[in-house]
Amino acid sequence: MVRVLWDKKLPDGGFQTAHVGTTAEVFVDEPSHVRLPENDAEIVARAQYVGDLTGHQVAFLAADLGILMRASAAGLTPARTPQ
């Protein structure tokens, strides 16, 4: 998905139709953002940020049960991807 979006040379704003009926938005961290030292915590925090920005519940998809448990504890909707 990222390669498709990159190849399309997205305009500022980052909104582009990738496939009919499917859209993706690329969120770039604000310049003042400092990443958390633990990767899973950073990923979950960014997903929470997307939910805060959009006002919608975030579905959090992953194969790793540990990060899914973190996502659930953070109020996100976890879903395990197929192996």
C-alpha atoms as a PDB file:
ATOM      1  CA  MET A   1       0.000   0.000   0.000  1.00  0.00           C
ATOM      2  CA  VAL A   2       2.752   2.438   0.923  1.00  0.00           C
ATOM      3  CA  ARG A   3       4.573   1.704  -2.348  1.00  0.00           C
ATOM      4  CA  VAL A   4       1.380   2.355  -4.325  1.00  0.00           C
ATOM      5  CA  LEU A   5       0.893   5.667  -2.554  1.00  0.00           C
ATOM      6  CA  TRP A   6       4.557   6.664  -2.902  1.00  0.00           C
ATOM      7  CA  ASP A   7       4.537   5.904  -6.631  1.00  0.00           C
ATOM      8  CA  LYS A   8       1.499   8.165  -7.065  1.00  0.00           C
ATOM      9  CA  LYS A   9       3.500  11.133  -5.662  1.00  0.00           C
ATOM     10  CA  LEU A  10       0.760  12.243  -3.307  1.00  0.00           C
ATOM     11  CA  PRO A  11      -0.007  15.953  -3.065  1.00  0.00           C
ATOM     12  CA  ASP A  12       0.155  17.715   0.284  1.00  0.00           C
ATOM     13  CA  GLY A  13      -2.605  16.404   2.508  1.00  0.00           C
ATOM     14  CA  GLY A  14      -1.833  12.766   1.697  1.00  0.00           C
ATOM     15  CA  PHE A  15      -5.315  11.718   0.504  1.00  0.00           C
ATOM     16  CA  GLN A  16      -5.474   9.411  -2.521  1.00  0.00           C
ATOM     17  CA  THR A  17      -7.698   6.580  -3.781  1.00  0.00           C
ATOM     18  CA  ALA A  18      -5.557   3.431  -3.966  1.00  0.00           C
ATOM     19  CA  HIS A  19      -8.208   1.003  -5.275  1.00  0.00           C
ATOM     20  CA  VAL A  20     -11.875   1.490  -6.030  1.00  0.00           C
ATOM     21  CA  GLY A  21     -13.657   1.836  -2.698  1.00  0.00           C
ATOM     22  CA  THR A  22     -10.462   1.857  -0.628  1.00  0.00           C
ATOM     23  CA  THR A  23      -8.615   4.890   0.658  1.00  0.00           C
ATOM     24  CA  ALA A  24      -5.603   5.346   2.885  1.00  0.00           C
ATOM     25  CA  GLU A  25      -4.294   8.425   4.589  1.00  0.00           C
ATOM     26  CA  VAL A  26      -0.664   8.884   5.501  1.00  0.00           C
ATOM     27  CA  PHE A  27      -0.142  10.728   8.774  1.00  0.00           C
ATOM     28  CA  VAL A  28       3.240  12.370   9.149  1.00  0.00           C
ATOM     29  CA  ASP A  29       4.381  13.037  12.707  1.00  0.00           C
ATOM     30  CA  GLU A  30       4.457  16.665  13.715  1.00  0.00           C
ATOM     31  CA  PRO A  31       8.040  18.029  13.954  1.00  0.00           C
ATOM     32  CA  SER A  32       7.836  18.178  17.764  1.00  0.00           C
ATOM     33  CA  HIS A  33       6.872  14.480  18.094  1.00  0.00           C
ATOM     34  CA  VAL A  34       9.315  12.416  20.150  1.00  0.00           C
ATOM     35  CA  ARG A  35       9.046   8.670  19.574  1.00  0.00           C
ATOM     36  CA  LEU A  36       8.490   6.411  22.547  1.00  0.00           C
ATOM     37  CA  PRO A  37      11.475   4.166  23.368  1.00  0.00           C
ATOM     38  CA  GLU A  38       9.455   0.945  22.947  1.00  0.00           C
ATOM     39  CA  ASN A  39       8.209   0.234  19.393  1.00  0.00           C
ATOM     40  CA  ASP A  40       4.911  -1.453  20.339  1.00  0.00           C
ATOM     41  CA  ALA A  41       3.993   1.424  22.659  1.00  0.00           C
ATOM     42  CA  GLU A  42       4.754   3.919  19.869  1.00  0.00           C
ATOM     43  CA  ILE A  43       2.600   2.045  17.346  1.00  0.00           C
ATOM     44  CA  VAL A  44      -0.341   1.820  19.754  1.00  0.00           C
ATOM     45  CA  ALA A  45       0.030   5.499  20.697  1.00  0.00           C
ATOM     46  CA  ARG A  46      -0.029   6.520  17.022  1.00  0.00           C
ATOM     47  CA  ALA A  47      -3.159   4.427  16.452  1.00  0.00           C
ATOM     48  CA  GLN A  48      -4.789   6.192  19.410  1.00  0.00           C
ATOM     49  CA  TYR A  49      -3.750   9.510  17.851  1.00  0.00           C
ATOM     50  CA  VAL A  50      -5.510   8.577  14.598  1.00  0.00           C
ATOM     51  CA  GLY A  51      -8.650   7.785  16.593  1.00  0.00           C
ATOM     52  CA  ASP A  52      -8.409  11.122  18.394  1.00  0.00           C
ATOM     53  CA  LEU A  53      -7.947  12.989  15.097  1.00  0.00           C
ATOM     54  CA  THR A  54     -10.826  11.279  13.322  1.00  0.00           C
ATOM     55  CA  GLY A  55     -13.218  10.792  16.207  1.00  0.00           C
ATOM     56  CA  HIS A  56     -13.698   7.178  15.072  1.00  0.00           C
ATOM     57  CA  GLN A  57     -12.942   3.852  16.695  1.00  0.00           C
ATOM     58  CA  VAL A  58      -9.668   2.412  15.367  1.00  0.00           C
ATOM     59  CA  ALA A  59      -9.449  -1.223  14.303  1.00  0.00           C
ATOM     60  CA  PHE A  60      -5.943  -2.417  15.179  1.00  0.00           C
ATOM     61  CA  LEU A  61      -4.795  -5.340  13.024  1.00  0.00           C
ATOM     62  CA  ALA A  62      -1.703  -7.392  13.840  1.00  0.00           C
ATOM     63  CA  ALA A  63      -0.498 -10.984  14.011  1.00  0.00           C
ATOM     64  CA  ASP A  64       1.378 -10.443  17.286  1.00  0.00           C
ATOM     65  CA  LEU A  65      -0.742 -11.176  20.353  1.00  0.00           C
ATOM     66  CA  GLY A  66       1.372  -8.966  22.620  1.00  0.00           C
ATOM     67  CA  ILE A  67       0.698  -5.774  20.657  1.00  0.00           C
ATOM     68  CA  LEU A  68      -2.966  -6.749  20.267  1.00  0.00           C
ATOM     69  CA  MET A  69      -3.248  -6.960  24.047  1.00  0.00           C
ATOM     70  CA  ARG A  70      -1.648  -3.504  24.344  1.00  0.00           C
ATOM     71  CA  ALA A  71      -4.030  -2.132  21.728  1.00  0.00           C
ATOM     72  CA  SER A  72      -7.049  -3.578  23.535  1.00  0.00           C
ATOM     73  CA  ALA A  73      -5.880  -2.153  26.869  1.00  0.00           C
ATOM     74  CA  ALA A  74      -5.552   1.243  25.150  1.00  0.00           C
ATOM     75  CA  GLY A  75      -9.196   1.126  24.011  1.00  0.00           C
ATOM     76  CA  LEU A  76      -8.548   0.149  20.387  1.00  0.00           C
ATOM     77  CA  THR A  77     -10.431  -2.683  18.652  1.00  0.00           C
ATOM     78  CA  PRO A  78      -7.919  -5.513  18.165  1.00  0.00           C
ATOM     79  CA  ALA A  79      -8.178  -7.978  15.281  1.00  0.00           C
ATOM     80  CA  ARG A  80      -5.726 -10.775  14.563  1.00  0.00           C
ATOM     81  CA  THR A  81      -4.586 -11.057  10.960  1.00  0.00           C
ATOM     82  CA  PRO A  82      -4.430 -14.484   9.315  1.00  0.00           C
ATOM     83  CA  GLN A  83      -1.109 -16.287   9.749  1.00  0.00           C
END
